[in-house]
Amino acid sequence: MLHKANKEHWKSPLNLLIELLLVGAGVFLALLANNWHEARQHHELARITLRNFAKELRTNREDIQGKRAYHETLAREVRDVAASDEHLDTRRFFTATHWQGLRPVFFEHTAWDLAVATQALTYIPSDLAFTISSVYTQQNAFQTYENSFVGAVLTPANSSDARALAASINGYLIDVNIREAALLEAYDKVIPEVEQAIRR
């Protein structure tokens, strides 16, 4: 009887150890499953974010591309009119340049705002996130430049001096054409990188 009690006594710690090992293994497997689930969620969030970026960057590229010919032609016409010896008034200026406004580019940035709000950039490869960020920084700088020019130069007070207006618009369009060309080059680099990352 005593021998049987001792045997059961020695079994208890062994059973306890086995139970502890099983519980530990269960906790470990649950942590692994949780980490795998989180990794999948982060991967899916990154894919959605990249798809948003690809769509938005293509939209912004198309907006610039659609205005390039007008901006280049307008720059030449403004330069020619400003350099002529003819009397220049605002009516003559707008007629000679076939003026249809400045046609500024309006950049979409919802994908960027959403990525920042959801911290999705942390799940995108850092070099790609840096490149995307650089493009959005260029867009913001360009948008600010456009807005400040329109606010400071295209006012009724400034439109009375046609030569000064022509000189200002000429300088503005030189910058616009340089910035648009640089952005198109940036889009042509980043969009394929984003699309390749989506397929991974």
C-alpha atoms as a PDB file:
ATOM      1  CA  MET A   1       0.000   0.000   0.000  1.00  0.00           C
ATOM      2  CA  LEU A   2       2.792   2.353   0.935  1.00  0.00           C
ATOM      3  CA  HIS A   3       4.661   1.388  -2.241  1.00  0.00           C
ATOM      4  CA  LYS A   4       1.593   2.256  -4.350  1.00  0.00           C
ATOM      5  CA  ALA A   5       1.218   5.652  -2.634  1.00  0.00           C
ATOM      6  CA  ASN A   6       4.914   6.430  -3.276  1.00  0.00           C
ATOM      7  CA  LYS A   7       4.494   5.474  -6.929  1.00  0.00           C
ATOM      8  CA  GLU A   8       1.526   7.863  -7.281  1.00  0.00           C
ATOM      9  CA  HIS A   9       3.494  10.531  -5.409  1.00  0.00           C
ATOM     10  CA  TRP A  10       6.364  10.259  -7.901  1.00  0.00           C
ATOM     11  CA  LYS A  11       3.954  10.286 -10.849  1.00  0.00           C
ATOM     12  CA  SER A  12       2.420  13.612  -9.851  1.00  0.00           C
ATOM     13  CA  PRO A  13       5.511  15.798 -10.474  1.00  0.00           C
ATOM     14  CA  LEU A  14       6.078  14.022 -13.792  1.00  0.00           C
ATOM     15  CA  ASN A  15       2.464  14.606 -14.794  1.00  0.00           C
ATOM     16  CA  LEU A  16       2.775  18.215 -13.670  1.00  0.00           C
ATOM     17  CA  LEU A  17       5.899  18.677 -15.756  1.00  0.00           C
ATOM     18  CA  ILE A  18       4.191  17.218 -18.810  1.00  0.00           C
ATOM     19  CA  GLU A  19       1.191  19.470 -18.284  1.00  0.00           C
ATOM     20  CA  LEU A  20       3.472  22.512 -17.948  1.00  0.00           C
ATOM     21  CA  LEU A  21       5.278  21.552 -21.133  1.00  0.00           C
ATOM     22  CA  LEU A  22       1.982  21.140 -22.973  1.00  0.00           C
ATOM     23  CA  VAL A  23       0.701  24.505 -21.693  1.00  0.00           C
ATOM     24  CA  GLY A  24       4.006  26.177 -22.658  1.00  0.00           C
ATOM     25  CA  ALA A  25       3.853  24.617 -26.125  1.00  0.00           C
ATOM     26  CA  GLY A  26       0.249  25.779 -26.489  1.00  0.00           C
ATOM     27  CA  VAL A  27       1.157  29.348 -25.503  1.00  0.00           C
ATOM     28  CA  PHE A  28       4.143  29.290 -27.860  1.00  0.00           C
ATOM     29  CA  LEU A  29       2.002  28.033 -30.766  1.00  0.00           C
ATOM     30  CA  ALA A  30      -0.667  30.645 -29.985  1.00  0.00           C
ATOM     31  CA  LEU A  31       1.994  33.394 -30.081  1.00  0.00           C
ATOM     32  CA  LEU A  32       3.295  32.041 -33.393  1.00  0.00           C
ATOM     33  CA  ALA A  33      -0.228  31.989 -34.824  1.00  0.00           C
ATOM     34  CA  ASN A  34      -0.862  35.528 -33.576  1.00  0.00           C
ATOM     35  CA  ASN A  35       2.417  36.787 -35.068  1.00  0.00           C
ATOM     36  CA  TRP A  36       1.628  35.076 -38.370  1.00  0.00           C
ATOM     37  CA  HIS A  37      -1.848  36.649 -38.384  1.00  0.00           C
ATOM     38  CA  GLU A  38      -0.415  40.115 -37.639  1.00  0.00           C
ATOM     39  CA  ALA A  39       2.227  39.691 -40.333  1.00  0.00           C
ATOM     40  CA  ARG A  40      -0.489  38.776 -42.847  1.00  0.00           C
ATOM     41  CA  GLN A  41      -2.535  41.826 -41.827  1.00  0.00           C
ATOM     42  CA  HIS A  42       0.503  44.091 -42.197  1.00  0.00           C
ATOM     43  CA  HIS A  43       1.316  42.546 -45.575  1.00  0.00           C
ATOM     44  CA  GLU A  44      -2.257  43.088 -46.781  1.00  0.00           C
ATOM     45  CA  LEU A  45      -2.269  46.673 -45.492  1.00  0.00           C
ATOM     46  CA  ALA A  46       0.999  47.283 -47.354  1.00  0.00           C
ATOM     47  CA  ARG A  47      -0.490  45.849 -50.583  1.00  0.00           C
ATOM     48  CA  ILE A  48      -3.615  48.010 -50.304  1.00  0.00           C
ATOM     49  CA  THR A  49      -1.488  51.076 -49.581  1.00  0.00           C
ATOM     50  CA  LEU A  50       0.791  50.369 -52.547  1.00  0.00           C
ATOM     51  CA  ARG A  51      -2.236  49.920 -54.833  1.00  0.00           C
ATOM     52  CA  ASN A  52      -3.555  53.290 -53.619  1.00  0.00           C
ATOM     53  CA  PHE A  53      -0.183  54.895 -54.286  1.00  0.00           C
ATOM     54  CA  ALA A  54       0.039  53.394 -57.785  1.00  0.00           C
ATOM     55  CA  LYS A  55      -3.428  54.658 -58.697  1.00  0.00           C
ATOM     56  CA  GLU A  56      -2.896  58.111 -57.223  1.00  0.00           C
ATOM     57  CA  LEU A  57       0.563  58.604 -58.716  1.00  0.00           C
ATOM     58  CA  ARG A  58      -0.737  57.556 -62.156  1.00  0.00           C
ATOM     59  CA  THR A  59      -3.597  60.077 -61.791  1.00  0.00           C
ATOM     60  CA  ASN A  60      -1.155  62.865 -60.895  1.00  0.00           C
ATOM     61  CA  ARG A  61       1.135  61.878 -63.766  1.00  0.00           C
ATOM     62  CA  GLU A  62      -1.777  62.002 -66.232  1.00  0.00           C
ATOM     63  CA  ASP A  63      -2.776  65.459 -64.957  1.00  0.00           C
ATOM     64  CA  ILE A  64       0.723  66.806 -65.571  1.00  0.00           C
ATOM     65  CA  GLN A  65       1.067  65.026 -68.919  1.00  0.00           C
ATOM     66  CA  GLY A  66      -2.261  66.464 -70.060  1.00  0.00           C
ATOM     67  CA  LYS A  67      -1.061  70.032 -69.388  1.00  0.00           C
ATOM     68  CA  ARG A  68       2.521  69.760 -70.638  1.00  0.00           C
ATOM     69  CA  ALA A  69       1.845  70.760 -74.259  1.00  0.00           C
ATOM     70  CA  TYR A  70      -0.179  73.806 -73.192  1.00  0.00           C
ATOM     71  CA  HIS A  71       2.432  74.966 -70.673  1.00  0.00           C
ATOM     72  CA  GLU A  72       5.296  74.540 -73.152  1.00  0.00           C
ATOM     73  CA  THR A  73       3.407  76.357 -75.920  1.00  0.00           C
ATOM     74  CA  LEU A  74       2.259  79.108 -73.559  1.00  0.00           C
ATOM     75  CA  ALA A  75       5.847  79.606 -72.338  1.00  0.00           C
ATOM     76  CA  ARG A  76       7.057  80.138 -75.932  1.00  0.00           C
ATOM     77  CA  GLU A  77       4.212  82.512 -76.774  1.00  0.00           C
ATOM     78  CA  VAL A  78       4.610  84.536 -73.577  1.00  0.00           C
ATOM     79  CA  ARG A  79       8.357  84.818 -74.212  1.00  0.00           C
ATOM     80  CA  ASP A  80       7.808  85.946 -77.815  1.00  0.00           C
ATOM     81  CA  VAL A  81       5.152  88.509 -76.901  1.00  0.00           C
ATOM     82  CA  ALA A  82       7.213  89.884 -74.005  1.00  0.00           C
ATOM     83  CA  ALA A  83      10.276  90.234 -76.265  1.00  0.00           C
ATOM     84  CA  SER A  84       8.427  92.051 -79.083  1.00  0.00           C
ATOM     85  CA  ASP A  85       8.686  95.812 -79.595  1.00  0.00           C
ATOM     86  CA  GLU A  86       4.958  96.217 -80.125  1.00  0.00           C
ATOM     87  CA  HIS A  87       2.835  98.141 -77.680  1.00  0.00           C
ATOM     88  CA  LEU A  88       1.678  95.574 -75.165  1.00  0.00           C
ATOM     89  CA  ASP A  89      -1.507  95.858 -73.188  1.00  0.00           C
ATOM     90  CA  THR A  90      -3.263  93.068 -71.318  1.00  0.00           C
ATOM     91  CA  ARG A  91      -5.763  92.517 -74.123  1.00  0.00           C
ATOM     92  CA  ARG A  92      -3.004  92.115 -76.709  1.00  0.00           C
ATOM     93  CA  PHE A  93      -1.060  89.866 -74.326  1.00  0.00           C
ATOM     94  CA  PHE A  94      -3.949  87.475 -73.688  1.00  0.00           C
ATOM     95  CA  THR A  95      -4.928  87.361 -77.380  1.00  0.00           C
ATOM     96  CA  ALA A  96      -1.387  86.801 -78.672  1.00  0.00           C
ATOM     97  CA  THR A  97      -0.684  84.004 -76.211  1.00  0.00           C
ATOM     98  CA  HIS A  98      -4.013  82.212 -76.831  1.00  0.00           C
ATOM     99  CA  TRP A  99      -4.492  82.498 -73.082  1.00  0.00           C
ATOM    100  CA  GLN A 100      -6.617  79.806 -71.472  1.00  0.00           C
ATOM    101  CA  GLY A 101      -5.477  80.395 -67.924  1.00  0.00           C
ATOM    102  CA  LEU A 102      -2.437  78.930 -66.179  1.00  0.00           C
ATOM    103  CA  ARG A 103      -3.998  75.465 -65.947  1.00  0.00           C
ATOM    104  CA  PRO A 104      -2.272  74.525 -62.700  1.00  0.00           C
ATOM    105  CA  VAL A 105      -1.845  70.901 -61.693  1.00  0.00           C
ATOM    106  CA  PHE A 106      -3.977  69.775 -58.761  1.00  0.00           C
ATOM    107  CA  PHE A 107      -2.255  66.878 -57.057  1.00  0.00           C
ATOM    108  CA  GLU A 108      -4.192  64.086 -55.378  1.00  0.00           C
ATOM    109  CA  HIS A 109      -2.712  63.134 -51.981  1.00  0.00           C
ATOM    110  CA  THR A 110      -5.411  61.029 -50.294  1.00  0.00           C
ATOM    111  CA  ALA A 111      -3.317  57.835 -50.520  1.00  0.00           C
ATOM    112  CA  TRP A 112      -0.425  59.575 -48.778  1.00  0.00           C
ATOM    113  CA  ASP A 113      -2.662  61.026 -46.040  1.00  0.00           C
ATOM    114  CA  LEU A 114      -4.233  57.606 -45.428  1.00  0.00           C
ATOM    115  CA  ALA A 115      -0.849  55.859 -45.325  1.00  0.00           C
ATOM    116  CA  VAL A 116       0.403  58.345 -42.736  1.00  0.00           C
ATOM    117  CA  ALA A 117      -2.787  58.057 -40.657  1.00  0.00           C
ATOM    118  CA  THR A 118      -2.687  54.226 -40.616  1.00  0.00           C
ATOM    119  CA  GLN A 119       1.138  54.082 -40.250  1.00  0.00           C
ATOM    120  CA  ALA A 120       1.139  51.790 -43.298  1.00  0.00           C
ATOM    121  CA  LEU A 121       4.475  53.215 -44.481  1.00  0.00           C
ATOM    122  CA  THR A 122       6.190  51.137 -41.777  1.00  0.00           C
ATOM    123  CA  TYR A 123       5.097  47.953 -43.598  1.00  0.00           C
ATOM    124  CA  ILE A 124       6.505  49.043 -46.970  1.00  0.00           C
ATOM    125  CA  PRO A 125      10.193  48.466 -47.808  1.00  0.00           C
ATOM    126  CA  SER A 126      12.045  51.494 -46.447  1.00  0.00           C
ATOM    127  CA  ASP A 127      13.812  52.398 -49.703  1.00  0.00           C
ATOM    128  CA  LEU A 128      10.507  52.379 -51.599  1.00  0.00           C
ATOM    129  CA  ALA A 129       8.761  54.373 -48.856  1.00  0.00           C
ATOM    130  CA  PHE A 130      11.586  56.942 -49.082  1.00  0.00           C
ATOM    131  CA  THR A 131      11.192  57.226 -52.872  1.00  0.00           C
ATOM    132  CA  ILE A 132       7.411  57.624 -52.605  1.00  0.00           C
ATOM    133  CA  SER A 133       7.845  60.241 -49.884  1.00  0.00           C
ATOM    134  CA  SER A 134      10.284  62.145 -52.095  1.00  0.00           C
ATOM    135  CA  VAL A 135       7.751  62.298 -54.942  1.00  0.00           C
ATOM    136  CA  TYR A 136       5.011  63.572 -52.633  1.00  0.00           C
ATOM    137  CA  THR A 137       7.416  66.191 -51.280  1.00  0.00           C
ATOM    138  CA  GLN A 138       8.080  67.392 -54.849  1.00  0.00           C
ATOM    139  CA  GLN A 139       4.341  67.518 -55.519  1.00  0.00           C
ATOM    140  CA  ASN A 140       3.697  69.554 -52.352  1.00  0.00           C
ATOM    141  CA  ALA A 141       6.468  72.006 -53.197  1.00  0.00           C
ATOM    142  CA  PHE A 142       5.091  72.428 -56.713  1.00  0.00           C
ATOM    143  CA  GLN A 143       1.531  72.930 -55.427  1.00  0.00           C
ATOM    144  CA  THR A 144       2.745  75.557 -52.957  1.00  0.00           C
ATOM    145  CA  TYR A 145       4.662  77.325 -55.731  1.00  0.00           C
ATOM    146  CA  GLU A 146       1.588  77.383 -57.997  1.00  0.00           C
ATOM    147  CA  ASN A 147      -0.666  78.679 -55.219  1.00  0.00           C
ATOM    148  CA  SER A 148       1.750  81.400 -54.130  1.00  0.00           C
ATOM    149  CA  PHE A 149       2.239  82.628 -57.706  1.00  0.00           C
ATOM    150  CA  VAL A 150      -1.480  82.867 -58.382  1.00  0.00           C
ATOM    151  CA  GLY A 151      -2.053  84.656 -55.080  1.00  0.00           C
ATOM    152  CA  ALA A 152       0.828  87.115 -55.449  1.00  0.00           C
ATOM    153  CA  VAL A 153       0.904  87.901 -59.181  1.00  0.00           C
ATOM    154  CA  LEU A 154      -2.469  87.311 -60.793  1.00  0.00           C
ATOM    155  CA  THR A 155      -4.327  90.146 -59.114  1.00  0.00           C
ATOM    156  CA  PRO A 156      -6.265  93.049 -60.686  1.00  0.00           C
ATOM    157  CA  ALA A 157      -3.568  95.483 -59.528  1.00  0.00           C
ATOM    158  CA  ASN A 158      -0.781  93.575 -61.299  1.00  0.00           C
ATOM    159  CA  SER A 159      -2.730  92.922 -64.491  1.00  0.00           C
ATOM    160  CA  SER A 160      -2.634  96.619 -65.476  1.00  0.00           C
ATOM    161  CA  ASP A 161       1.080  96.431 -66.416  1.00  0.00           C
ATOM    162  CA  ALA A 162       1.108  93.914 -69.269  1.00  0.00           C
ATOM    163  CA  ARG A 163       4.905  93.793 -69.650  1.00  0.00           C
ATOM    164  CA  ALA A 164       5.491  93.138 -65.952  1.00  0.00           C
ATOM    165  CA  LEU A 165       2.740  90.524 -66.024  1.00  0.00           C
ATOM    166  CA  ALA A 166       4.305  88.862 -69.085  1.00  0.00           C
ATOM    167  CA  ALA A 167       7.729  88.815 -67.423  1.00  0.00           C
ATOM    168  CA  SER A 168       6.294  87.278 -64.248  1.00  0.00           C
ATOM    169  CA  ILE A 169       4.326  84.626 -66.132  1.00  0.00           C
ATOM    170  CA  ASN A 170       7.355  83.861 -68.289  1.00  0.00           C
ATOM    171  CA  GLY A 171       9.511  83.239 -65.201  1.00  0.00           C
ATOM    172  CA  TYR A 172       6.750  81.173 -63.634  1.00  0.00           C
ATOM    173  CA  LEU A 173       6.316  78.985 -66.733  1.00  0.00           C
ATOM    174  CA  ILE A 174      10.066  78.336 -66.944  1.00  0.00           C
ATOM    175  CA  ASP A 175       9.901  76.908 -63.410  1.00  0.00           C
ATOM    176  CA  VAL A 176       6.672  75.037 -64.137  1.00  0.00           C
ATOM    177  CA  ASN A 177       8.136  73.278 -67.173  1.00  0.00           C
ATOM    178  CA  ILE A 178      11.275  72.307 -65.247  1.00  0.00           C
ATOM    179  CA  ARG A 179       9.273  70.990 -62.277  1.00  0.00           C
ATOM    180  CA  GLU A 180       6.778  69.113 -64.449  1.00  0.00           C
ATOM    181  CA  ALA A 181       9.566  67.393 -66.394  1.00  0.00           C
ATOM    182  CA  ALA A 182      11.280  66.421 -63.119  1.00  0.00           C
ATOM    183  CA  LEU A 183       8.039  65.026 -61.690  1.00  0.00           C
ATOM    184  CA  LEU A 184       7.296  63.015 -64.836  1.00  0.00           C
ATOM    185  CA  GLU A 185      10.762  61.513 -64.548  1.00  0.00           C
ATOM    186  CA  ALA A 186      10.127  60.718 -60.869  1.00  0.00           C
ATOM    187  CA  TYR A 187       6.774  59.089 -61.702  1.00  0.00           C
ATOM    188  CA  ASP A 188       8.362  56.982 -64.426  1.00  0.00           C
ATOM    189  CA  LYS A 189      10.818  55.692 -61.840  1.00  0.00           C
ATOM    190  CA  VAL A 190       8.545  55.144 -58.831  1.00  0.00           C
ATOM    191  CA  ILE A 191       5.349  53.783 -60.427  1.00  0.00           C
ATOM    192  CA  PRO A 192       7.015  50.612 -61.820  1.00  0.00           C
ATOM    193  CA  GLU A 193       8.715  50.087 -58.443  1.00  0.00           C
ATOM    194  CA  VAL A 194       5.359  50.344 -56.649  1.00  0.00           C
ATOM    195  CA  GLU A 195       3.684  47.977 -59.124  1.00  0.00           C
ATOM    196  CA  GLN A 196       6.510  45.472 -58.732  1.00  0.00           C
ATOM    197  CA  ALA A 197       6.189  45.622 -54.933  1.00  0.00           C
ATOM    198  CA  ILE A 198       2.430  44.918 -55.213  1.00  0.00           C
ATOM    199  CA  ARG A 199       3.156  41.661 -57.070  1.00  0.00           C
ATOM    200  CA  ARG A 200       5.457  40.353 -54.314  1.00  0.00           C
END
